[in-house]
Amino acid sequence: MSVRVRPLAAGDRPDWDALWRGYLDFYQTTLPAAQFDLHFARLTGAHHPAWHGLVAMADERPVGIAHVLLHPHGWQAEDTAYLQDLFVAPEARGTGAGRALMLAVYDLADKLGARGVYWTTQHFNTKARTLYDRVGTLTPFLKYARA
């Protein structure tokens, strides 16, 4: 199976819906249809230049997505890239689609002049962490959120 990654396009909406729903299901989360509309518009619209969507294609079929947010960083002049979401359909796992998405995120960050790329995952997401350990460095930071 040959995998290539390209920018998310308006015509990808039905496939993106299914992939993002799969991602949300993995994290046992549901969101209203309005949030799907808003997020897809951010990822594909020129009016939100900080957001970038990528789609992994295998045999001309979308099998994975990545959502990247470019933002300023207080400790450096250059922006940094936050990989907010990465998902590969279960039937396409092990095909290189996840790795291709990660490398495409790195390429996108470089092209946009971002100094770094970072992301979070849950400690028990062992499949994804196997990939992340190969393409990134685990940091000692813990994530906290408002109570």
Protein backbone atom coordinates (compact mmCIF):
# COMPACT_ATOMS: atom_id res chain seq x y z
CA MET A 1 0.00 0.00 0.00
CA SER A 2 1.50 3.31 -1.11
CA VAL A 3 0.91 6.25 1.26
CA ARG A 4 1.21 9.93 0.44
CA VAL A 5 0.22 12.98 2.49
CA ARG A 6 -1.37 16.13 1.15
CA PRO A 7 -3.14 19.18 2.56
CA LEU A 8 -6.73 18.67 3.64
CA ALA A 9 -9.16 20.02 1.03
CA ALA A 10 -12.82 21.08 1.12
CA GLY A 11 -13.82 17.98 -0.85
CA ASP A 12 -12.41 15.74 1.90
CA ARG A 13 -15.21 16.60 4.31
CA PRO A 14 -17.09 13.24 4.31
CA ASP A 15 -13.88 11.22 4.77
CA TRP A 16 -12.52 13.70 7.32
CA ASP A 17 -15.78 13.44 9.31
CA ALA A 18 -15.39 9.66 9.52
CA LEU A 19 -11.70 9.85 10.47
CA TRP A 20 -12.15 12.56 13.08
CA ARG A 21 -15.11 10.69 14.55
CA GLY A 22 -12.85 7.63 14.81
CA TYR A 23 -10.25 9.74 16.60
CA LEU A 24 -12.84 11.11 19.02
CA ASP A 25 -14.26 7.61 19.59
CA PHE A 26 -10.77 6.39 20.53
CA TYR A 27 -10.67 9.07 23.22
CA GLN A 28 -14.29 8.35 24.21
CA THR A 29 -15.33 11.89 23.28
CA THR A 30 -18.27 13.26 21.36
CA LEU A 31 -18.66 16.75 19.95
CA PRO A 32 -21.67 18.50 18.42
CA ALA A 33 -22.04 18.83 14.66
CA ALA A 34 -21.39 22.57 14.96
CA GLN A 35 -17.88 21.87 16.29
CA PHE A 36 -17.20 19.55 13.36
CA ASP A 37 -18.24 22.39 11.03
CA LEU A 38 -16.13 24.96 12.85
CA HIS A 39 -13.01 22.81 13.06
CA PHE A 40 -13.16 21.72 9.41
CA ALA A 41 -13.61 25.36 8.36
CA ARG A 42 -10.54 26.31 10.41
CA LEU A 43 -8.46 23.53 8.89
CA THR A 44 -9.39 24.30 5.29
CA GLY A 45 -10.13 28.04 5.29
CA ALA A 46 -7.73 30.85 4.57
CA HIS A 47 -9.32 32.95 7.34
CA HIS A 48 -7.58 30.78 9.98
CA PRO A 49 -3.95 30.71 8.78
CA ALA A 50 -2.70 29.26 12.08
CA TRP A 51 -4.57 25.97 11.47
CA HIS A 52 -3.37 23.32 9.02
CA GLY A 53 -4.94 19.99 8.11
CA LEU A 54 -3.20 17.06 6.47
CA VAL A 55 -4.64 13.84 5.09
CA ALA A 56 -2.84 10.55 4.45
CA MET A 57 -3.91 8.85 1.25
CA ALA A 58 -3.47 5.13 0.59
CA ASP A 59 -4.46 3.91 -2.85
CA GLU A 60 -6.26 7.25 -3.38
CA ARG A 61 -8.36 6.71 -0.24
CA PRO A 62 -8.07 8.92 2.88
CA VAL A 63 -6.81 6.77 5.77
CA GLY A 64 -5.44 9.30 8.27
CA ILE A 65 -5.51 12.91 9.40
CA ALA A 66 -3.31 15.34 11.27
CA HIS A 67 -4.30 18.77 12.63
CA VAL A 68 -1.55 21.31 13.32
CA LEU A 69 -1.79 24.67 15.08
CA LEU A 70 1.04 27.14 14.52
CA HIS A 71 1.50 29.60 17.39
CA PRO A 72 3.99 32.03 18.93
CA HIS A 73 6.33 30.86 21.68
CA GLY A 74 7.39 33.05 24.55
CA TRP A 75 10.96 31.73 24.69
CA GLN A 76 11.87 32.12 21.03
CA ALA A 77 11.29 34.43 18.08
CA GLU A 78 10.03 31.67 15.79
CA ASP A 79 6.58 30.11 15.98
CA THR A 80 6.15 26.54 17.15
CA ALA A 81 3.79 23.86 15.84
CA TYR A 82 1.36 21.95 18.03
CA LEU A 83 0.19 18.64 16.59
CA GLN A 84 -3.25 18.58 18.17
CA ASP A 85 -4.70 15.51 16.50
CA LEU A 86 -3.27 12.54 14.61
CA PHE A 87 -5.37 9.54 13.63
CA VAL A 88 -4.98 6.61 11.28
CA ALA A 89 -7.95 4.35 10.52
CA PRO A 90 -7.54 0.94 12.22
CA GLU A 91 -7.43 -0.92 8.90
CA ALA A 92 -4.51 1.27 7.74
CA ARG A 93 -2.35 0.98 10.84
CA GLY A 94 1.02 -0.60 10.21
CA THR A 95 1.12 0.68 6.63
CA GLY A 96 3.36 3.67 7.31
CA ALA A 97 0.48 6.17 7.25
CA GLY A 98 1.16 7.41 10.80
CA ARG A 99 4.87 7.86 10.12
CA ALA A 100 4.10 9.61 6.82
CA LEU A 101 1.77 12.01 8.65
CA MET A 102 4.40 12.72 11.33
CA LEU A 103 7.06 13.45 8.73
CA ALA A 104 4.62 15.64 6.81
CA VAL A 105 3.93 17.60 10.01
CA TYR A 106 7.68 18.13 10.41
CA ASP A 107 7.96 19.23 6.76
CA LEU A 108 5.00 21.62 7.19
CA ALA A 109 6.53 23.12 10.34
CA ASP A 110 9.85 23.63 8.53
CA LYS A 111 8.11 25.21 5.54
CA LEU A 112 6.22 27.60 7.85
CA GLY A 113 9.37 28.54 9.75
CA ALA A 114 8.36 26.89 13.02
CA ARG A 115 11.24 26.12 15.32
CA GLY A 116 9.71 23.02 16.88
CA VAL A 117 6.85 20.55 16.87
CA TYR A 118 5.23 19.12 19.99
CA TRP A 119 2.25 16.96 20.88
CA THR A 120 0.66 15.05 23.74
CA THR A 121 -0.84 11.60 24.02
CA GLN A 122 -2.24 9.46 26.77
CA HIS A 123 0.27 7.23 28.54
CA PHE A 124 -1.68 4.09 27.60
CA ASN A 125 -1.73 4.86 23.86
CA THR A 126 1.02 2.31 23.33
CA LYS A 127 0.55 1.83 19.57
CA ALA A 128 0.98 5.54 18.86
CA ARG A 129 3.78 5.86 21.40
CA THR A 130 5.77 3.20 19.55
CA LEU A 131 5.77 5.53 16.54
CA TYR A 132 6.33 8.66 18.64
CA ASP A 133 9.37 7.09 20.29
CA ARG A 134 10.89 6.60 16.82
CA VAL A 135 10.18 10.10 15.47
CA GLY A 136 10.33 12.25 18.60
CA THR A 137 11.75 12.64 22.08
CA LEU A 138 9.69 12.04 25.20
CA THR A 139 9.91 15.09 27.46
CA PRO A 140 9.65 15.12 31.26
CA PHE A 141 6.71 17.55 31.23
CA LEU A 142 3.27 16.61 32.55
CA LYS A 143 0.12 18.27 31.23
CA TYR A 144 -2.28 19.97 33.63
CA ALA A 145 -5.67 21.49 32.81
CA ARG A 146 -7.99 23.88 34.57
CA ALA A 147 -10.11 22.08 37.17
